[in-house]
């Protein structure tokens, strides 16, 4: 709720093309790669960063299917517009109910 607006976080798992970090020194005091386990345990991370790190650790250890969500687009009533629904994957037995 910074600046009276809601925040939305979208987390993607990516692999770096390089471990060299270039960052804006006007916006950041420091920027570094951290071990995920260390990031989950540090007291210097924000609560959301700490919880995202814990979710990622859980995914790596137990399988990402336990934390991942998917997105499906559905046509809106207005031509050419779409709704996006973000959710956990439905079990097969529920996908084809009509």
C-alpha atoms as a PDB file:
ATOM      1  CA  UNK A   1       0.000   0.000   0.000  1.00  0.00           C
ATOM      2  CA  UNK A   2       2.872   2.362  -0.651  1.00  0.00           C
ATOM      3  CA  UNK A   3       1.752   5.783  -1.845  1.00  0.00           C
ATOM      4  CA  UNK A   4      -1.910   4.819  -1.289  1.00  0.00           C
ATOM      5  CA  UNK A   5      -1.799   2.211  -4.079  1.00  0.00           C
ATOM      6  CA  UNK A   6      -1.977  -1.565  -3.923  1.00  0.00           C
ATOM      7  CA  UNK A   7       1.097  -3.623  -4.660  1.00  0.00           C
ATOM      8  CA  UNK A   8       1.191  -6.664  -6.913  1.00  0.00           C
ATOM      9  CA  UNK A   9       4.137  -9.007  -6.917  1.00  0.00           C
ATOM     10  CA  UNK A  10       4.816 -11.383  -9.766  1.00  0.00           C
ATOM     11  CA  UNK A  11       7.545 -13.894  -9.104  1.00  0.00           C
ATOM     12  CA  UNK A  12       9.323 -15.715 -11.918  1.00  0.00           C
ATOM     13  CA  UNK A  13      12.020 -18.342 -11.644  1.00  0.00           C
ATOM     14  CA  UNK A  14      14.835 -17.434 -14.029  1.00  0.00           C
ATOM     15  CA  UNK A  15      18.452 -18.378 -14.533  1.00  0.00           C
ATOM     16  CA  UNK A  16      20.958 -15.530 -14.861  1.00  0.00           C
ATOM     17  CA  UNK A  17      22.866 -15.104 -18.096  1.00  0.00           C
ATOM     18  CA  UNK A  18      25.665 -13.601 -15.986  1.00  0.00           C
ATOM     19  CA  UNK A  19      26.489 -13.181 -12.318  1.00  0.00           C
ATOM     20  CA  UNK A  20      27.718  -9.619 -12.877  1.00  0.00           C
ATOM     21  CA  UNK A  21      25.342  -7.143 -11.245  1.00  0.00           C
ATOM     22  CA  UNK A  22      24.775  -3.676 -12.693  1.00  0.00           C
ATOM     23  CA  UNK A  23      22.431  -1.580 -10.581  1.00  0.00           C
ATOM     24  CA  UNK A  24      21.292   1.998 -10.257  1.00  0.00           C
ATOM     25  CA  UNK A  25      23.312   3.551  -7.426  1.00  0.00           C
ATOM     26  CA  UNK A  26      20.702   6.294  -7.093  1.00  0.00           C
ATOM     27  CA  UNK A  27      18.058   3.712  -6.152  1.00  0.00           C
ATOM     28  CA  UNK A  28      20.104   1.045  -4.345  1.00  0.00           C
ATOM     29  CA  UNK A  29      22.765   1.231  -1.679  1.00  0.00           C
ATOM     30  CA  UNK A  30      23.957  -2.307  -2.302  1.00  0.00           C
ATOM     31  CA  UNK A  31      23.127  -5.192  -4.608  1.00  0.00           C
ATOM     32  CA  UNK A  32      24.393  -8.759  -4.280  1.00  0.00           C
ATOM     33  CA  UNK A  33      23.636 -12.392  -5.082  1.00  0.00           C
ATOM     34  CA  UNK A  34      22.555 -14.337  -2.021  1.00  0.00           C
ATOM     35  CA  UNK A  35      22.077 -17.997  -1.309  1.00  0.00           C
ATOM     36  CA  UNK A  36      18.331 -18.669  -1.151  1.00  0.00           C
ATOM     37  CA  UNK A  37      18.571 -20.358   2.239  1.00  0.00           C
ATOM     38  CA  UNK A  38      20.481 -17.348   3.610  1.00  0.00           C
ATOM     39  CA  UNK A  39      17.913 -14.953   2.132  1.00  0.00           C
ATOM     40  CA  UNK A  40      15.071 -16.872   3.796  1.00  0.00           C
ATOM     41  CA  UNK A  41      16.788 -16.655   7.199  1.00  0.00           C
ATOM     42  CA  UNK A  42      18.271 -13.147   7.221  1.00  0.00           C
ATOM     43  CA  UNK A  43      16.734 -10.506   9.483  1.00  0.00           C
ATOM     44  CA  UNK A  44      17.729  -7.801   6.962  1.00  0.00           C
ATOM     45  CA  UNK A  45      15.140  -8.760   4.324  1.00  0.00           C
ATOM     46  CA  UNK A  46      11.645  -7.318   4.141  1.00  0.00           C
ATOM     47  CA  UNK A  47       8.848  -9.667   5.263  1.00  0.00           C
ATOM     48  CA  UNK A  48       7.673 -10.239   1.692  1.00  0.00           C
ATOM     49  CA  UNK A  49      11.215 -11.026   0.472  1.00  0.00           C
ATOM     50  CA  UNK A  50      11.720 -13.465   3.319  1.00  0.00           C
ATOM     51  CA  UNK A  51       8.423 -15.224   2.592  1.00  0.00           C
ATOM     52  CA  UNK A  52       9.086 -15.429  -1.155  1.00  0.00           C
ATOM     53  CA  UNK A  53      12.481 -16.975  -0.391  1.00  0.00           C
ATOM     54  CA  UNK A  54      10.778 -19.531   1.881  1.00  0.00           C
ATOM     55  CA  UNK A  55       8.235 -20.372  -0.836  1.00  0.00           C
ATOM     56  CA  UNK A  56      11.051 -20.886  -3.342  1.00  0.00           C
ATOM     57  CA  UNK A  57      12.970 -23.110  -0.919  1.00  0.00           C
ATOM     58  CA  UNK A  58       9.826 -25.172  -0.411  1.00  0.00           C
ATOM     59  CA  UNK A  59       9.347 -25.424  -4.175  1.00  0.00           C
ATOM     60  CA  UNK A  60      12.921 -26.551  -4.776  1.00  0.00           C
ATOM     61  CA  UNK A  61      12.763 -29.135  -1.998  1.00  0.00           C
ATOM     62  CA  UNK A  62       9.181 -30.431  -2.333  1.00  0.00           C
ATOM     63  CA  UNK A  63       8.265 -29.589  -5.943  1.00  0.00           C
ATOM     64  CA  UNK A  64       7.086 -26.351  -7.523  1.00  0.00           C
ATOM     65  CA  UNK A  65       3.688 -27.848  -8.331  1.00  0.00           C
ATOM     66  CA  UNK A  66       2.891 -27.278  -4.644  1.00  0.00           C
ATOM     67  CA  UNK A  67       3.332 -23.498  -4.906  1.00  0.00           C
ATOM     68  CA  UNK A  68       2.916 -22.568  -8.567  1.00  0.00           C
ATOM     69  CA  UNK A  69      -0.196 -20.954  -9.964  1.00  0.00           C
ATOM     70  CA  UNK A  70      -1.259 -20.746 -13.560  1.00  0.00           C
ATOM     71  CA  UNK A  71      -3.019 -18.088 -15.611  1.00  0.00           C
ATOM     72  CA  UNK A  72      -5.849 -18.568 -18.088  1.00  0.00           C
ATOM     73  CA  UNK A  73      -7.385 -15.932 -20.319  1.00  0.00           C
ATOM     74  CA  UNK A  74     -11.121 -15.788 -20.881  1.00  0.00           C
ATOM     75  CA  UNK A  75     -12.951 -13.571 -23.374  1.00  0.00           C
ATOM     76  CA  UNK A  76     -14.700 -10.595 -21.819  1.00  0.00           C
ATOM     77  CA  UNK A  77     -18.172  -9.480 -22.838  1.00  0.00           C
ATOM     78  CA  UNK A  78     -16.477  -6.666 -24.763  1.00  0.00           C
ATOM     79  CA  UNK A  79     -15.084  -7.812 -28.113  1.00  0.00           C
ATOM     80  CA  UNK A  80     -11.321  -8.105 -28.157  1.00  0.00           C
ATOM     81  CA  UNK A  81     -10.871  -7.818 -24.386  1.00  0.00           C
ATOM     82  CA  UNK A  82      -9.905 -10.620 -22.026  1.00  0.00           C
ATOM     83  CA  UNK A  83      -9.974 -11.412 -18.334  1.00  0.00           C
ATOM     84  CA  UNK A  84      -6.965 -13.063 -16.742  1.00  0.00           C
ATOM     85  CA  UNK A  85      -7.589 -15.607 -13.986  1.00  0.00           C
ATOM     86  CA  UNK A  86      -4.631 -16.597 -11.806  1.00  0.00           C
ATOM     87  CA  UNK A  87      -5.138 -19.779  -9.816  1.00  0.00           C
ATOM     88  CA  UNK A  88      -3.810 -23.133  -8.690  1.00  0.00           C
ATOM     89  CA  UNK A  89      -4.238 -25.806 -11.359  1.00  0.00           C
ATOM     90  CA  UNK A  90      -7.558 -27.652 -11.158  1.00  0.00           C
ATOM     91  CA  UNK A  91      -7.479 -31.430 -10.786  1.00  0.00           C
ATOM     92  CA  UNK A  92      -8.193 -33.267 -14.057  1.00  0.00           C
ATOM     93  CA  UNK A  93     -11.563 -34.482 -12.773  1.00  0.00           C
ATOM     94  CA  UNK A  94     -12.815 -30.871 -12.497  1.00  0.00           C
ATOM     95  CA  UNK A  95     -11.407 -29.428 -15.745  1.00  0.00           C
ATOM     96  CA  UNK A  96     -14.060 -30.856 -18.064  1.00  0.00           C
ATOM     97  CA  UNK A  97     -17.233 -30.368 -15.988  1.00  0.00           C
ATOM     98  CA  UNK A  98     -19.876 -28.732 -18.178  1.00  0.00           C
END
